[in-house]
Amino acid sequence: MDVEIMVKGMNCSHCENAVKQAVEQLSGVSHIDAHLDSGRVKVSYNQEEITLEEICDVIEHQGYEVDR
């Protein structure tokens, strides 16, 4: 499944990389693309291995706000 998540608080390339690294380590995530300028994070994942809620929780655990 492909989803686009709006993330608030990414202010620099370090923020963008922190989100990418945290999400790409999750089992079931096959691709992530974060865009600092728009606040959009595009994620491709297998719904049988991980939920959107779990992905959003990991992003929030990194200190960013997810527009759910």
C-alpha atoms as a PDB file:
ATOM      1  CA  MET A   1       0.000   0.000   0.000  1.00  0.00           C
ATOM      2  CA  ASP A   2       1.155   3.531  -0.754  1.00  0.00           C
ATOM      3  CA  VAL A   3       0.266   6.403   1.557  1.00  0.00           C
ATOM      4  CA  GLU A   4       1.176  10.057   1.926  1.00  0.00           C
ATOM      5  CA  ILE A   5       1.544  11.395   5.476  1.00  0.00           C
ATOM      6  CA  MET A   6       1.706  15.084   6.380  1.00  0.00           C
ATOM      7  CA  VAL A   7       4.420  15.664   8.984  1.00  0.00           C
ATOM      8  CA  LYS A   8       4.906  18.925  10.876  1.00  0.00           C
ATOM      9  CA  GLY A   9       8.193  19.950  12.444  1.00  0.00           C
ATOM     10  CA  MET A  10      10.704  18.867   9.820  1.00  0.00           C
ATOM     11  CA  ASN A  11      12.834  22.020   9.648  1.00  0.00           C
ATOM     12  CA  CYS A  12      16.123  20.826   8.166  1.00  0.00           C
ATOM     13  CA  SER A  13      17.746  17.988   6.248  1.00  0.00           C
ATOM     14  CA  HIS A  14      18.652  16.299   9.551  1.00  0.00           C
ATOM     15  CA  CYS A  15      14.938  16.167  10.424  1.00  0.00           C
ATOM     16  CA  GLU A  16      14.118  14.733   7.017  1.00  0.00           C
ATOM     17  CA  ASN A  17      16.824  12.066   7.394  1.00  0.00           C
ATOM     18  CA  ALA A  18      15.725  11.198  10.951  1.00  0.00           C
ATOM     19  CA  VAL A  19      12.200  10.463   9.724  1.00  0.00           C
ATOM     20  CA  LYS A  20      13.483   8.462   6.743  1.00  0.00           C
ATOM     21  CA  GLN A  21      15.867   6.368   8.832  1.00  0.00           C
ATOM     22  CA  ALA A  22      13.301   5.632  11.542  1.00  0.00           C
ATOM     23  CA  VAL A  23      10.598   4.520   9.111  1.00  0.00           C
ATOM     24  CA  GLU A  24      12.772   2.588   6.665  1.00  0.00           C
ATOM     25  CA  GLN A  25      13.967   0.338   9.510  1.00  0.00           C
ATOM     26  CA  LEU A  26      10.427  -0.897  10.144  1.00  0.00           C
ATOM     27  CA  SER A  27       9.583  -4.389   9.009  1.00  0.00           C
ATOM     28  CA  GLY A  28       7.078  -4.196   6.179  1.00  0.00           C
ATOM     29  CA  VAL A  29       8.162  -0.802   4.843  1.00  0.00           C
ATOM     30  CA  SER A  30       9.510  -1.142   1.311  1.00  0.00           C
ATOM     31  CA  HIS A  31      10.077   2.527   0.421  1.00  0.00           C
ATOM     32  CA  ILE A  32       9.989   5.964   2.036  1.00  0.00           C
ATOM     33  CA  ASP A  33      10.441   9.386   0.504  1.00  0.00           C
ATOM     34  CA  ALA A  34      10.359  12.448   2.787  1.00  0.00           C
ATOM     35  CA  HIS A  35      10.080  15.984   1.447  1.00  0.00           C
ATOM     36  CA  LEU A  36      11.243  18.684   3.827  1.00  0.00           C
ATOM     37  CA  ASP A  37       9.799  21.582   1.837  1.00  0.00           C
ATOM     38  CA  SER A  38       6.242  20.227   1.666  1.00  0.00           C
ATOM     39  CA  GLY A  39       6.179  18.192   4.881  1.00  0.00           C
ATOM     40  CA  ARG A  40       5.018  15.149   2.928  1.00  0.00           C
ATOM     41  CA  VAL A  41       6.269  11.670   3.662  1.00  0.00           C
ATOM     42  CA  LYS A  42       5.373   9.008   1.115  1.00  0.00           C
ATOM     43  CA  VAL A  43       5.548   5.437   2.381  1.00  0.00           C
ATOM     44  CA  SER A  44       5.084   2.109   0.613  1.00  0.00           C
ATOM     45  CA  TYR A  45       4.370  -0.728   3.016  1.00  0.00           C
ATOM     46  CA  ASN A  46       2.846  -4.177   3.394  1.00  0.00           C
ATOM     47  CA  GLN A  47      -0.384  -3.979   5.400  1.00  0.00           C
ATOM     48  CA  GLU A  48       0.046  -7.560   6.542  1.00  0.00           C
ATOM     49  CA  GLU A  49       3.295  -6.678   8.344  1.00  0.00           C
ATOM     50  CA  ILE A  50       2.704  -3.164   9.691  1.00  0.00           C
ATOM     51  CA  THR A  51      -0.121  -0.674  10.103  1.00  0.00           C
ATOM     52  CA  LEU A  52      -0.283   2.994   9.179  1.00  0.00           C
ATOM     53  CA  GLU A  53      -0.838   3.726  12.870  1.00  0.00           C
ATOM     54  CA  GLU A  54       2.478   2.053  13.751  1.00  0.00           C
ATOM     55  CA  ILE A  55       4.301   4.070  11.097  1.00  0.00           C
ATOM     56  CA  CYS A  56       2.788   7.320  12.374  1.00  0.00           C
ATOM     57  CA  ASP A  57       3.699   6.385  15.966  1.00  0.00           C
ATOM     58  CA  VAL A  58       7.358   5.950  14.965  1.00  0.00           C
ATOM     59  CA  ILE A  59       7.395   9.358  13.272  1.00  0.00           C
ATOM     60  CA  GLU A  60       5.866  10.965  16.358  1.00  0.00           C
ATOM     61  CA  HIS A  61       8.372   9.163  18.584  1.00  0.00           C
ATOM     62  CA  GLN A  62      11.096  10.987  16.629  1.00  0.00           C
ATOM     63  CA  GLY A  63       9.553  14.273  17.816  1.00  0.00           C
ATOM     64  CA  TYR A  64       7.418  15.263  14.830  1.00  0.00           C
ATOM     65  CA  GLU A  65       3.683  15.823  14.574  1.00  0.00           C
ATOM     66  CA  VAL A  66       1.653  13.699  12.168  1.00  0.00           C
ATOM     67  CA  ASP A  67      -1.505  15.179  10.719  1.00  0.00           C
ATOM     68  CA  ARG A  68      -3.830  12.197  11.145  1.00  0.00           C
END
